[in-house]
């Protein structure tokens, strides 16, 4: 079975009711499908999916694992783009670089890092390459503050508004996924 992400919308209708749309691929904007900021519930079949409150996989996000998510709570009517997690989450690795385009000091990270000070790259990361897994980057230490989800290489954090701002990070695990209700 193909991994599927099914969004449901309707006036005051959570609990998998109302109009629905089935997605089998990543969608950078839900506008053309009439679902921009409209979903009140969703169903995930197969791989986990990430829902973002901004287009092009930016902004606040939640990761949803397989199952029925009958009430999105504060994330209802916020979803603007969706991305399927197709990578294996085991044995994660990310390489962080001091400068854009993968130059300068480089550090490989394999686990939760609550404070970048020990790596010598605190608040100076300008690009990264994901070798394995999916990662959540944080602007503050202690895995706090504004977050960015990534499974991709980013040669220039300036374009993302993240240049010299990352202070902690963690690989995505099952605990990061919203549980079905």
C-alpha atoms as a PDB file:
ATOM      1  CA  UNK A   1       0.000   0.000   0.000  1.00  0.00           C
ATOM      2  CA  UNK A   2       1.233   3.472  -0.874  1.00  0.00           C
ATOM      3  CA  UNK A   3       1.784   5.752   2.109  1.00  0.00           C
ATOM      4  CA  UNK A   4      -1.172   8.115   2.268  1.00  0.00           C
ATOM      5  CA  UNK A   5      -2.009  11.287   4.110  1.00  0.00           C
ATOM      6  CA  UNK A   6      -5.720  12.100   4.212  1.00  0.00           C
ATOM      7  CA  UNK A   7      -6.870  15.579   5.257  1.00  0.00           C
ATOM      8  CA  UNK A   8     -10.440  16.294   6.361  1.00  0.00           C
ATOM      9  CA  UNK A   9     -12.038  19.723   6.436  1.00  0.00           C
ATOM     10  CA  UNK A  10     -15.441  21.039   7.272  1.00  0.00           C
ATOM     11  CA  UNK A  11     -17.005  23.773   9.336  1.00  0.00           C
ATOM     12  CA  UNK A  12     -16.628  22.741  12.976  1.00  0.00           C
ATOM     13  CA  UNK A  13     -16.028  19.109  11.905  1.00  0.00           C
ATOM     14  CA  UNK A  14     -13.086  17.309  13.432  1.00  0.00           C
ATOM     15  CA  UNK A  15     -13.162  13.521  13.881  1.00  0.00           C
ATOM     16  CA  UNK A  16     -12.451  12.543  10.224  1.00  0.00           C
ATOM     17  CA  UNK A  17     -15.648  14.119   8.884  1.00  0.00           C
ATOM     18  CA  UNK A  18     -16.340  16.567   6.109  1.00  0.00           C
ATOM     19  CA  UNK A  19     -14.641  16.854   2.733  1.00  0.00           C
ATOM     20  CA  UNK A  20     -11.390  14.946   2.394  1.00  0.00           C
ATOM     21  CA  UNK A  21      -8.407  14.817   0.081  1.00  0.00           C
ATOM     22  CA  UNK A  22      -5.931  11.940  -0.218  1.00  0.00           C
ATOM     23  CA  UNK A  23      -2.249  12.754  -0.752  1.00  0.00           C
ATOM     24  CA  UNK A  24       0.392  10.200  -1.732  1.00  0.00           C
ATOM     25  CA  UNK A  25       3.236  12.666  -2.281  1.00  0.00           C
ATOM     26  CA  UNK A  26       4.839  15.632  -0.583  1.00  0.00           C
ATOM     27  CA  UNK A  27       2.932  18.910  -1.158  1.00  0.00           C
ATOM     28  CA  UNK A  28       4.705  22.297  -0.787  1.00  0.00           C
ATOM     29  CA  UNK A  29       1.411  24.232  -0.773  1.00  0.00           C
ATOM     30  CA  UNK A  30      -2.133  23.045  -0.135  1.00  0.00           C
ATOM     31  CA  UNK A  31      -3.633  26.108  -1.862  1.00  0.00           C
ATOM     32  CA  UNK A  32      -4.341  24.453  -5.211  1.00  0.00           C
ATOM     33  CA  UNK A  33      -6.173  21.611  -3.440  1.00  0.00           C
ATOM     34  CA  UNK A  34      -8.468  23.919  -1.461  1.00  0.00           C
ATOM     35  CA  UNK A  35      -7.027  22.699   1.845  1.00  0.00           C
ATOM     36  CA  UNK A  36      -4.770  25.603   2.824  1.00  0.00           C
ATOM     37  CA  UNK A  37      -5.289  26.126   6.572  1.00  0.00           C
ATOM     38  CA  UNK A  38      -8.505  24.086   6.456  1.00  0.00           C
ATOM     39  CA  UNK A  39      -7.739  20.622   7.896  1.00  0.00           C
ATOM     40  CA  UNK A  40      -9.429  19.754  11.186  1.00  0.00           C
ATOM     41  CA  UNK A  41      -8.422  16.073  11.336  1.00  0.00           C
ATOM     42  CA  UNK A  42      -6.247  13.659   9.382  1.00  0.00           C
ATOM     43  CA  UNK A  43      -5.380  10.029   8.812  1.00  0.00           C
ATOM     44  CA  UNK A  44      -1.895   8.668   8.131  1.00  0.00           C
ATOM     45  CA  UNK A  45      -1.363   5.333   6.412  1.00  0.00           C
ATOM     46  CA  UNK A  46       2.224   4.088   6.188  1.00  0.00           C
ATOM     47  CA  UNK A  47       5.216   6.335   6.852  1.00  0.00           C
ATOM     48  CA  UNK A  48       5.039   9.326   9.213  1.00  0.00           C
ATOM     49  CA  UNK A  49       4.234  12.710   7.664  1.00  0.00           C
ATOM     50  CA  UNK A  50       5.194  16.217   8.741  1.00  0.00           C
ATOM     51  CA  UNK A  51       2.580  18.979   8.601  1.00  0.00           C
ATOM     52  CA  UNK A  52       3.824  22.594   8.487  1.00  0.00           C
ATOM     53  CA  UNK A  53       1.915  25.779   9.238  1.00  0.00           C
ATOM     54  CA  UNK A  54       3.690  27.604   6.400  1.00  0.00           C
ATOM     55  CA  UNK A  55       4.196  26.833   2.736  1.00  0.00           C
ATOM     56  CA  UNK A  56       7.357  25.186   1.387  1.00  0.00           C
ATOM     57  CA  UNK A  57       7.866  23.089   4.543  1.00  0.00           C
ATOM     58  CA  UNK A  58       8.596  26.016   6.836  1.00  0.00           C
ATOM     59  CA  UNK A  59       7.304  27.322  10.105  1.00  0.00           C
ATOM     60  CA  UNK A  60       5.945  25.408  13.042  1.00  0.00           C
ATOM     61  CA  UNK A  61       5.376  21.706  12.420  1.00  0.00           C
ATOM     62  CA  UNK A  62       4.033  18.482  13.857  1.00  0.00           C
ATOM     63  CA  UNK A  63       4.990  14.945  12.908  1.00  0.00           C
ATOM     64  CA  UNK A  64       2.093  12.496  12.610  1.00  0.00           C
ATOM     65  CA  UNK A  65       2.581   8.736  12.731  1.00  0.00           C
ATOM     66  CA  UNK A  66       0.286   6.125  11.252  1.00  0.00           C
ATOM     67  CA  UNK A  67      -3.286   6.209  12.537  1.00  0.00           C
ATOM     68  CA  UNK A  68      -6.370   8.404  12.905  1.00  0.00           C
ATOM     69  CA  UNK A  69      -5.738  11.887  14.270  1.00  0.00           C
ATOM     70  CA  UNK A  70      -9.335  12.843  14.922  1.00  0.00           C
ATOM     71  CA  UNK A  71      -8.763  16.263  16.454  1.00  0.00           C
ATOM     72  CA  UNK A  72      -5.759  18.452  15.636  1.00  0.00           C
ATOM     73  CA  UNK A  73      -6.323  20.776  18.592  1.00  0.00           C
ATOM     74  CA  UNK A  74      -4.282  23.966  18.233  1.00  0.00           C
ATOM     75  CA  UNK A  75      -2.947  22.755  14.867  1.00  0.00           C
ATOM     76  CA  UNK A  76      -6.472  22.636  13.362  1.00  0.00           C
ATOM     77  CA  UNK A  77      -6.814  24.916  10.354  1.00  0.00           C
ATOM     78  CA  UNK A  78      -3.064  25.612  10.346  1.00  0.00           C
ATOM     79  CA  UNK A  79      -1.625  23.081   7.880  1.00  0.00           C
ATOM     80  CA  UNK A  80      -0.170  24.696   4.744  1.00  0.00           C
ATOM     81  CA  UNK A  81       2.288  22.065   3.452  1.00  0.00           C
ATOM     82  CA  UNK A  82       2.957  18.366   4.070  1.00  0.00           C
ATOM     83  CA  UNK A  83       6.026  16.175   3.686  1.00  0.00           C
ATOM     84  CA  UNK A  84       6.304  12.399   3.900  1.00  0.00           C
ATOM     85  CA  UNK A  85       9.244  11.044   5.899  1.00  0.00           C
ATOM     86  CA  UNK A  86      10.741   8.511   3.509  1.00  0.00           C
ATOM     87  CA  UNK A  87      14.157   8.127   5.138  1.00  0.00           C
ATOM     88  CA  UNK A  88      15.138   5.484   7.675  1.00  0.00           C
ATOM     89  CA  UNK A  89      15.297   7.028  11.149  1.00  0.00           C
ATOM     90  CA  UNK A  90      17.828   4.514  12.492  1.00  0.00           C
ATOM     91  CA  UNK A  91      21.527   5.402  12.950  1.00  0.00           C
ATOM     92  CA  UNK A  92      21.073   9.150  12.263  1.00  0.00           C
ATOM     93  CA  UNK A  93      23.952  11.399  11.233  1.00  0.00           C
ATOM     94  CA  UNK A  94      24.159  15.054  10.273  1.00  0.00           C
ATOM     95  CA  UNK A  95      27.268  17.083   9.388  1.00  0.00           C
ATOM     96  CA  UNK A  96      27.194  20.729  10.458  1.00  0.00           C
ATOM     97  CA  UNK A  97      29.412  23.319   8.761  1.00  0.00           C
ATOM     98  CA  UNK A  98      30.665  26.654   9.998  1.00  0.00           C
ATOM     99  CA  UNK A  99      30.196  28.403   6.632  1.00  0.00           C
ATOM    100  CA  UNK A 100      27.745  28.281   3.720  1.00  0.00           C
ATOM    101  CA  UNK A 101      28.220  25.707   0.953  1.00  0.00           C
ATOM    102  CA  UNK A 102      29.730  23.160   3.365  1.00  0.00           C
ATOM    103  CA  UNK A 103      32.955  25.044   4.147  1.00  0.00           C
ATOM    104  CA  UNK A 104      34.850  25.755   7.338  1.00  0.00           C
ATOM    105  CA  UNK A 105      34.871  23.648  10.459  1.00  0.00           C
ATOM    106  CA  UNK A 106      32.697  20.533  10.153  1.00  0.00           C
ATOM    107  CA  UNK A 107      31.262  18.383  12.944  1.00  0.00           C
ATOM    108  CA  UNK A 108      29.340  15.116  12.612  1.00  0.00           C
ATOM    109  CA  UNK A 109      26.487  14.638  15.101  1.00  0.00           C
ATOM    110  CA  UNK A 110      24.869  11.259  15.798  1.00  0.00           C
ATOM    111  CA  UNK A 111      22.626  11.962  18.804  1.00  0.00           C
ATOM    112  CA  UNK A 112      20.724  14.553  20.783  1.00  0.00           C
ATOM    113  CA  UNK A 113      22.916  17.612  21.345  1.00  0.00           C
ATOM    114  CA  UNK A 114      21.364  19.994  23.880  1.00  0.00           C
ATOM    115  CA  UNK A 115      24.125  22.602  23.649  1.00  0.00           C
ATOM    116  CA  UNK A 116      26.401  23.188  20.665  1.00  0.00           C
ATOM    117  CA  UNK A 117      29.094  24.853  22.810  1.00  0.00           C
ATOM    118  CA  UNK A 118      30.947  21.553  23.213  1.00  0.00           C
ATOM    119  CA  UNK A 119      31.208  21.176  19.418  1.00  0.00           C
ATOM    120  CA  UNK A 120      32.780  24.572  18.763  1.00  0.00           C
ATOM    121  CA  UNK A 121      29.888  25.458  16.450  1.00  0.00           C
ATOM    122  CA  UNK A 122      27.491  27.197  18.867  1.00  0.00           C
ATOM    123  CA  UNK A 123      25.583  29.869  16.938  1.00  0.00           C
ATOM    124  CA  UNK A 124      27.908  29.635  13.910  1.00  0.00           C
ATOM    125  CA  UNK A 125      26.371  26.846  11.787  1.00  0.00           C
ATOM    126  CA  UNK A 126      25.719  28.106   8.255  1.00  0.00           C
ATOM    127  CA  UNK A 127      25.036  24.878   6.319  1.00  0.00           C
ATOM    128  CA  UNK A 128      24.453  21.168   6.890  1.00  0.00           C
ATOM    129  CA  UNK A 129      24.332  17.777   5.178  1.00  0.00           C
ATOM    130  CA  UNK A 130      22.022  15.057   6.447  1.00  0.00           C
ATOM    131  CA  UNK A 131      23.782  11.731   6.022  1.00  0.00           C
ATOM    132  CA  UNK A 132      21.057   9.587   7.628  1.00  0.00           C
ATOM    133  CA  UNK A 133      17.727  10.120   9.321  1.00  0.00           C
ATOM    134  CA  UNK A 134      15.616  13.208   9.904  1.00  0.00           C
ATOM    135  CA  UNK A 135      16.580  16.004  12.289  1.00  0.00           C
ATOM    136  CA  UNK A 136      15.031  18.816  14.303  1.00  0.00           C
ATOM    137  CA  UNK A 137      17.260  21.882  14.693  1.00  0.00           C
ATOM    138  CA  UNK A 138      16.595  24.425  17.474  1.00  0.00           C
ATOM    139  CA  UNK A 139      17.605  28.074  17.779  1.00  0.00           C
ATOM    140  CA  UNK A 140      18.014  27.812  21.578  1.00  0.00           C
ATOM    141  CA  UNK A 141      19.957  25.446  23.801  1.00  0.00           C
ATOM    142  CA  UNK A 142      18.129  22.669  25.582  1.00  0.00           C
ATOM    143  CA  UNK A 143      16.042  21.791  22.505  1.00  0.00           C
ATOM    144  CA  UNK A 144      13.956  24.949  22.888  1.00  0.00           C
ATOM    145  CA  UNK A 145      12.868  27.832  20.717  1.00  0.00           C
ATOM    146  CA  UNK A 146      12.103  28.000  17.027  1.00  0.00           C
ATOM    147  CA  UNK A 147      12.572  24.655  15.272  1.00  0.00           C
ATOM    148  CA  UNK A 148      13.412  23.476  11.772  1.00  0.00           C
ATOM    149  CA  UNK A 149      12.703  19.976  10.420  1.00  0.00           C
ATOM    150  CA  UNK A 150      15.208  18.621   7.924  1.00  0.00           C
ATOM    151  CA  UNK A 151      15.998  15.483   5.975  1.00  0.00           C
ATOM    152  CA  UNK A 152      17.838  17.395   3.287  1.00  0.00           C
ATOM    153  CA  UNK A 153      21.145  19.126   2.748  1.00  0.00           C
ATOM    154  CA  UNK A 154      21.054  22.915   3.046  1.00  0.00           C
ATOM    155  CA  UNK A 155      24.075  24.676   1.556  1.00  0.00           C
ATOM    156  CA  UNK A 156      23.088  28.071   2.917  1.00  0.00           C
ATOM    157  CA  UNK A 157      21.176  28.695   6.144  1.00  0.00           C
ATOM    158  CA  UNK A 158      20.909  32.408   5.227  1.00  0.00           C
ATOM    159  CA  UNK A 159      18.047  31.610   2.840  1.00  0.00           C
ATOM    160  CA  UNK A 160      16.246  29.780   5.641  1.00  0.00           C
ATOM    161  CA  UNK A 161      16.698  32.570   8.204  1.00  0.00           C
ATOM    162  CA  UNK A 162      18.923  30.244  10.264  1.00  0.00           C
ATOM    163  CA  UNK A 163      22.442  31.528   9.598  1.00  0.00           C
ATOM    164  CA  UNK A 164      24.537  31.422  12.791  1.00  0.00           C
ATOM    165  CA  UNK A 165      21.497  30.677  14.952  1.00  0.00           C
ATOM    166  CA  UNK A 166      21.388  26.948  15.752  1.00  0.00           C
ATOM    167  CA  UNK A 167      22.155  26.032  19.376  1.00  0.00           C
ATOM    168  CA  UNK A 168      20.826  22.458  19.759  1.00  0.00           C
ATOM    169  CA  UNK A 169      19.466  19.572  17.682  1.00  0.00           C
ATOM    170  CA  UNK A 170      18.105  16.048  17.840  1.00  0.00           C
ATOM    171  CA  UNK A 171      17.361  13.197  15.480  1.00  0.00           C
ATOM    172  CA  UNK A 172      13.674  12.476  14.932  1.00  0.00           C
ATOM    173  CA  UNK A 173      12.458   9.467  16.902  1.00  0.00           C
ATOM    174  CA  UNK A 174       9.095   7.868  17.509  1.00  0.00           C
ATOM    175  CA  UNK A 175       8.658  10.108  20.585  1.00  0.00           C
ATOM    176  CA  UNK A 176       8.553  13.173  18.295  1.00  0.00           C
ATOM    177  CA  UNK A 177       5.467  11.868  16.489  1.00  0.00           C
ATOM    178  CA  UNK A 178       1.918  12.785  17.446  1.00  0.00           C
ATOM    179  CA  UNK A 179       0.104   9.689  18.595  1.00  0.00           C
ATOM    180  CA  UNK A 180      -3.260   8.798  17.024  1.00  0.00           C
ATOM    181  CA  UNK A 181      -6.315   9.760  19.152  1.00  0.00           C
END
